[in-house]
Amino acid sequence: MFGLGWPEVAIIAIVGILIFGPKKIPELGGALGKTLRGFKEEMDNPTPDDTDDERD
């Protein structure tokens, strides 16, 4: 997992809980999931406006 071991992941989780609080973590996770899902959908299915067909 990105070269991180369990101790590093635990430290990151503890710091995240201290900064955001335990009630805010699920909201942040949901927002991150929606953002990543939308990004993946756009990468898989670009709209015609997104493609660069007019190259000089």
N, C-alpha and C. Protein backbone atom coordinates (compact mmCIF):
# COMPACT_ATOMS: atom_id res chain seq x y z
N MET A 1 0.85 -1.18 0.00
CA MET A 1 0.00 0.00 0.00
C MET A 1 0.89 1.24 0.00
N PHE A 2 1.38 1.64 -1.13
CA PHE A 2 2.21 2.82 -1.32
C PHE A 2 3.47 2.78 -0.48
N GLY A 3 3.95 1.59 -0.13
CA GLY A 3 5.16 1.48 0.65
C GLY A 3 4.97 1.81 2.12
N LEU A 4 3.73 1.87 2.58
CA LEU A 4 3.45 2.17 3.99
C LEU A 4 3.16 0.89 4.74
N GLY A 5 3.69 0.78 5.94
CA GLY A 5 3.39 -0.35 6.80
C GLY A 5 2.22 0.00 7.72
N TRP A 6 1.80 -1.00 8.51
CA TRP A 6 0.68 -0.77 9.41
C TRP A 6 0.97 0.30 10.46
N PRO A 7 2.18 0.41 10.99
CA PRO A 7 2.42 1.49 11.96
C PRO A 7 2.23 2.88 11.36
N GLU A 8 2.67 3.07 10.12
CA GLU A 8 2.50 4.37 9.48
C GLU A 8 1.03 4.67 9.22
N VAL A 9 0.28 3.65 8.79
CA VAL A 9 -1.15 3.84 8.53
C VAL A 9 -1.87 4.18 9.83
N ALA A 10 -1.50 3.53 10.92
CA ALA A 10 -2.12 3.81 12.22
C ALA A 10 -1.83 5.24 12.65
N ILE A 11 -0.60 5.69 12.47
CA ILE A 11 -0.25 7.07 12.85
C ILE A 11 -1.04 8.07 12.02
N ILE A 12 -1.16 7.82 10.72
CA ILE A 12 -1.92 8.72 9.84
C ILE A 12 -3.39 8.75 10.28
N ALA A 13 -3.96 7.58 10.62
CA ALA A 13 -5.35 7.52 11.07
C ALA A 13 -5.55 8.30 12.37
N ILE A 14 -4.63 8.15 13.29
CA ILE A 14 -4.74 8.86 14.58
C ILE A 14 -4.64 10.37 14.36
N VAL A 15 -3.72 10.80 13.54
CA VAL A 15 -3.59 12.23 13.26
C VAL A 15 -4.85 12.75 12.57
N GLY A 16 -5.40 11.97 11.64
CA GLY A 16 -6.63 12.38 10.98
C GLY A 16 -7.79 12.54 11.95
N ILE A 17 -7.90 11.60 12.88
CA ILE A 17 -8.97 11.69 13.88
C ILE A 17 -8.76 12.90 14.79
N LEU A 18 -7.51 13.17 15.14
CA LEU A 18 -7.24 14.34 15.99
C LEU A 18 -7.55 15.64 15.27
N ILE A 19 -7.25 15.71 13.98
CA ILE A 19 -7.47 16.95 13.23
C ILE A 19 -8.96 17.16 12.91
N PHE A 20 -9.60 16.13 12.36
CA PHE A 20 -10.97 16.29 11.87
C PHE A 20 -12.03 15.86 12.86
N GLY A 21 -11.70 15.02 13.80
CA GLY A 21 -12.69 14.51 14.74
C GLY A 21 -13.36 13.27 14.20
N PRO A 22 -13.81 12.39 15.07
CA PRO A 22 -14.38 11.12 14.62
C PRO A 22 -15.71 11.27 13.87
N LYS A 23 -16.44 12.35 14.08
CA LYS A 23 -17.72 12.52 13.39
C LYS A 23 -17.54 13.01 11.95
N LYS A 24 -16.45 13.68 11.69
CA LYS A 24 -16.22 14.27 10.36
C LYS A 24 -15.57 13.27 9.39
N ILE A 25 -14.89 12.24 9.89
CA ILE A 25 -14.16 11.29 9.06
C ILE A 25 -15.09 10.59 8.05
N PRO A 26 -16.26 10.06 8.43
CA PRO A 26 -17.13 9.41 7.43
C PRO A 26 -17.59 10.37 6.33
N GLU A 27 -17.85 11.63 6.67
CA GLU A 27 -18.25 12.62 5.67
C GLU A 27 -17.12 12.86 4.67
N LEU A 28 -15.90 12.97 5.17
CA LEU A 28 -14.75 13.18 4.30
C LEU A 28 -14.53 11.96 3.40
N GLY A 29 -14.69 10.77 3.95
CA GLY A 29 -14.54 9.55 3.16
C GLY A 29 -15.58 9.46 2.06
N GLY A 30 -16.81 9.82 2.37
CA GLY A 30 -17.87 9.80 1.36
C GLY A 30 -17.61 10.81 0.25
N ALA A 31 -17.17 12.00 0.63
CA ALA A 31 -16.87 13.03 -0.37
C ALA A 31 -15.70 12.60 -1.25
N LEU A 32 -14.69 12.01 -0.65
CA LEU A 32 -13.54 11.53 -1.42
C LEU A 32 -13.96 10.42 -2.37
N GLY A 33 -14.80 9.52 -1.91
CA GLY A 33 -15.30 8.43 -2.77
C GLY A 33 -16.08 8.95 -3.96
N LYS A 34 -16.96 9.92 -3.73
CA LYS A 34 -17.73 10.50 -4.83
C LYS A 34 -16.83 11.21 -5.83
N THR A 35 -15.82 11.91 -5.33
CA THR A 35 -14.89 12.62 -6.20
C THR A 35 -14.11 11.64 -7.05
N LEU A 36 -13.58 10.58 -6.44
CA LEU A 36 -12.81 9.60 -7.19
C LEU A 36 -13.69 8.85 -8.19
N ARG A 37 -14.94 8.55 -7.82
CA ARG A 37 -15.87 7.87 -8.72
C ARG A 37 -16.16 8.74 -9.94
N GLY A 38 -16.41 10.02 -9.71
CA GLY A 38 -16.67 10.94 -10.82
C GLY A 38 -15.45 11.10 -11.72
N PHE A 39 -14.28 11.16 -11.12
CA PHE A 39 -13.04 11.27 -11.91
C PHE A 39 -12.84 10.03 -12.76
N LYS A 40 -13.09 8.85 -12.19
CA LYS A 40 -12.92 7.61 -12.94
C LYS A 40 -13.92 7.53 -14.09
N GLU A 41 -15.17 7.94 -13.86
CA GLU A 41 -16.17 7.93 -14.92
C GLU A 41 -15.78 8.87 -16.06
N GLU A 42 -15.25 10.03 -15.73
CA GLU A 42 -14.82 10.97 -16.77
C GLU A 42 -13.62 10.44 -17.55
N MET A 43 -12.74 9.72 -16.87
CA MET A 43 -11.59 9.15 -17.56
C MET A 43 -12.01 8.01 -18.50
N ASP A 44 -13.02 7.23 -18.08
CA ASP A 44 -13.49 6.11 -18.89
C ASP A 44 -14.36 6.57 -20.05
N ASN A 45 -15.16 7.60 -19.86
CA ASN A 45 -16.11 8.06 -20.87
C ASN A 45 -16.00 9.57 -21.06
N PRO A 46 -14.98 10.05 -21.77
CA PRO A 46 -14.88 11.50 -21.97
C PRO A 46 -15.98 11.99 -22.91
N THR A 47 -16.48 13.17 -22.63
CA THR A 47 -17.50 13.76 -23.49
C THR A 47 -16.83 14.34 -24.73
N PRO A 48 -17.58 14.57 -25.82
CA PRO A 48 -16.97 15.13 -27.04
C PRO A 48 -16.31 16.49 -26.81
N ASP A 49 -16.81 17.25 -25.86
CA ASP A 49 -16.21 18.56 -25.57
C ASP A 49 -14.83 18.42 -24.94
N ASP A 50 -14.61 17.28 -24.24
CA ASP A 50 -13.34 17.08 -23.54
C ASP A 50 -12.21 16.62 -24.47
N THR A 51 -12.56 16.04 -25.61
CA THR A 51 -11.51 15.53 -26.50
C THR A 51 -10.94 16.66 -27.31
N ASP A 52 -9.69 16.56 -27.66
CA ASP A 52 -8.99 17.61 -28.40
C ASP A 52 -8.81 17.15 -29.85
N ASP A 53 -9.86 17.28 -30.66
CA ASP A 53 -9.81 16.83 -32.05
C ASP A 53 -9.17 17.85 -32.97
N GLU A 54 -9.12 19.10 -32.56
CA GLU A 54 -8.61 20.16 -33.43
C GLU A 54 -7.16 20.47 -33.07
N ARG A 55 -6.27 19.62 -33.55
CA ARG A 55 -4.84 19.85 -33.30
C ARG A 55 -4.21 20.48 -34.52
N ASP A 56 -3.36 21.48 -34.29
CA ASP A 56 -2.70 22.17 -35.40
C ASP A 56 -1.36 21.55 -35.70
